[in-house]
Amino acid sequence: MRLAALAFLSLLSAAASARAAGSDLEFYTGEDLYAQCSANPADADYQPRQARCVGYVIGASDALQAAQGGGRPAMACLQPTNGAPQLVAAVQQYLAAHPEKRRLAAHDLVDEALAAAFPCR
């Protein structure tokens, strides 16, 4: 019985690993993020799209800042006065100005947008 349980757990672990590895091939693209961040207040789904945009940008910004705090070279230097509206506006402007880059990973584009808008001096 114990051996059967161990075998079952091993199979579950292998299946979970295979699924995780496969999911690494997919990512949220700049096009996906642009679709959320370009919502118009007149759109019926404006609020959820805007919330997804803000949430993604803030999450990616937090990850960037954590990486920089952990030793990654500084790309963007945000100030305590840079709130969510400024970060989201910077990303919206960058995505609108660079449609050729939207096929890339959204988190990379957020990093680029924030680095362009809030350069380190």
Protein backbone atom coordinates (compact mmCIF):
# COMPACT_ATOMS: atom_id res chain seq x y z
CA MET A 1 0.00 0.00 0.00
CA ARG A 2 2.78 2.39 0.94
CA LEU A 3 4.68 1.61 -2.25
CA ALA A 4 1.56 2.27 -4.32
CA ALA A 5 1.10 5.65 -2.62
CA LEU A 6 4.71 6.59 -3.33
CA ALA A 7 4.34 5.55 -6.96
CA PHE A 8 1.15 7.62 -7.27
CA LEU A 9 2.88 10.69 -5.74
CA SER A 10 5.79 10.26 -8.14
CA LEU A 11 3.41 10.20 -11.10
CA LEU A 12 1.63 13.31 -9.83
CA SER A 13 4.92 15.10 -9.39
CA ALA A 14 6.08 14.18 -12.89
CA ALA A 15 2.78 15.30 -14.40
CA ALA A 16 2.92 18.62 -12.57
CA SER A 17 6.49 19.19 -13.72
CA ALA A 18 5.59 18.41 -17.32
CA ARG A 19 2.67 20.82 -17.18
CA ALA A 20 4.80 23.57 -15.62
CA ALA A 21 7.51 23.15 -18.23
CA GLY A 22 4.94 23.35 -21.04
CA SER A 23 3.35 26.46 -19.61
CA ASP A 24 6.71 28.23 -19.70
CA LEU A 25 6.35 28.31 -23.48
CA GLU A 26 3.40 30.66 -23.20
CA PHE A 27 3.56 34.18 -21.87
CA TYR A 28 1.53 37.33 -21.68
CA THR A 29 2.55 39.39 -24.67
CA GLY A 30 2.72 43.10 -25.15
CA GLU A 31 -0.28 42.70 -27.45
CA ASP A 32 -2.25 41.12 -24.60
CA LEU A 33 -1.26 43.92 -22.26
CA TYR A 34 -1.99 46.59 -24.85
CA ALA A 35 -5.49 45.18 -25.31
CA GLN A 36 -6.12 45.68 -21.60
CA CYS A 37 -4.34 49.02 -21.23
CA SER A 38 -5.96 50.61 -24.28
CA ALA A 39 -9.49 50.19 -22.93
CA ASN A 40 -11.71 53.20 -23.49
CA PRO A 41 -14.00 54.45 -20.69
CA ALA A 42 -16.91 54.04 -23.11
CA ASP A 43 -16.20 50.29 -23.44
CA ALA A 44 -18.59 48.03 -21.53
CA ASP A 45 -15.65 46.09 -20.09
CA TYR A 46 -13.51 49.14 -19.34
CA GLN A 47 -13.19 48.62 -15.59
CA PRO A 48 -12.03 44.98 -15.62
CA ARG A 49 -9.62 45.64 -18.50
CA GLN A 50 -8.21 48.69 -16.76
CA ALA A 51 -7.87 46.72 -13.52
CA ARG A 52 -5.96 43.96 -15.33
CA CYS A 53 -3.68 46.58 -16.90
CA VAL A 54 -2.96 48.31 -13.60
CA GLY A 55 -2.47 45.02 -11.78
CA TYR A 56 -0.05 43.70 -14.36
CA VAL A 57 1.98 46.91 -14.55
CA ILE A 58 2.24 47.22 -10.77
CA GLY A 59 3.17 43.55 -10.41
CA ALA A 60 5.84 43.77 -13.09
CA SER A 61 7.12 47.01 -11.56
CA ASP A 62 7.36 45.34 -8.14
CA ALA A 63 9.27 42.42 -9.68
CA LEU A 64 11.67 44.81 -11.42
CA GLN A 65 12.28 46.74 -8.22
CA ALA A 66 12.80 43.54 -6.24
CA ALA A 67 15.31 42.28 -8.81
CA GLN A 68 17.16 45.58 -8.70
CA GLY A 69 17.18 45.41 -4.90
CA GLY A 70 18.59 41.90 -5.18
CA GLY A 71 21.56 43.01 -7.25
CA ARG A 72 20.27 43.28 -10.82
CA PRO A 73 21.63 46.41 -12.50
CA ALA A 74 19.21 49.32 -12.16
CA MET A 75 17.03 49.88 -15.21
CA ALA A 76 14.38 52.17 -13.81
CA CYS A 77 14.69 54.44 -10.80
CA LEU A 78 11.25 55.04 -9.36
CA GLN A 79 10.60 57.61 -6.68
CA PRO A 80 8.11 57.31 -3.83
CA THR A 81 6.02 59.93 -5.64
CA ASN A 82 5.68 57.70 -8.74
CA GLY A 83 2.31 56.09 -8.17
CA ALA A 84 0.29 53.62 -10.19
CA PRO A 85 -1.19 56.27 -12.52
CA GLN A 86 2.27 57.43 -13.64
CA LEU A 87 3.57 53.88 -14.11
CA VAL A 88 0.52 52.80 -16.09
CA ALA A 89 0.62 55.95 -18.25
CA ALA A 90 4.29 55.30 -19.06
CA VAL A 91 3.52 51.73 -20.13
CA GLN A 92 0.44 52.77 -22.14
CA GLN A 93 2.47 55.40 -24.00
CA TYR A 94 5.32 52.97 -24.66
CA LEU A 95 3.03 50.25 -25.99
CA ALA A 96 1.21 52.75 -28.23
CA ALA A 97 4.50 54.11 -29.57
CA HIS A 98 6.08 50.67 -30.22
CA PRO A 99 3.54 48.39 -31.93
CA GLU A 100 6.42 46.41 -33.48
CA LYS A 101 7.49 45.24 -30.01
CA ARG A 102 4.07 44.08 -28.79
CA ARG A 103 4.74 40.48 -29.83
CA LEU A 104 7.39 40.30 -27.09
CA ALA A 105 6.83 39.34 -23.45
CA ALA A 106 4.79 41.95 -21.62
CA HIS A 107 7.03 41.97 -18.55
CA ASP A 108 10.05 42.87 -20.71
CA LEU A 109 8.09 45.72 -22.28
CA VAL A 110 7.03 47.02 -18.87
CA ASP A 111 10.70 47.03 -17.86
CA GLU A 112 11.62 48.92 -21.05
CA ALA A 113 8.80 51.41 -20.62
CA LEU A 114 9.69 52.15 -17.02
CA ALA A 115 13.39 52.44 -17.86
CA ALA A 116 12.56 54.95 -20.61
CA ALA A 117 10.18 56.97 -18.45
CA PHE A 118 12.17 56.81 -15.20
CA PRO A 119 15.85 56.49 -16.14
CA CYS A 120 18.51 56.13 -13.49
CA ARG A 121 20.98 59.01 -13.36
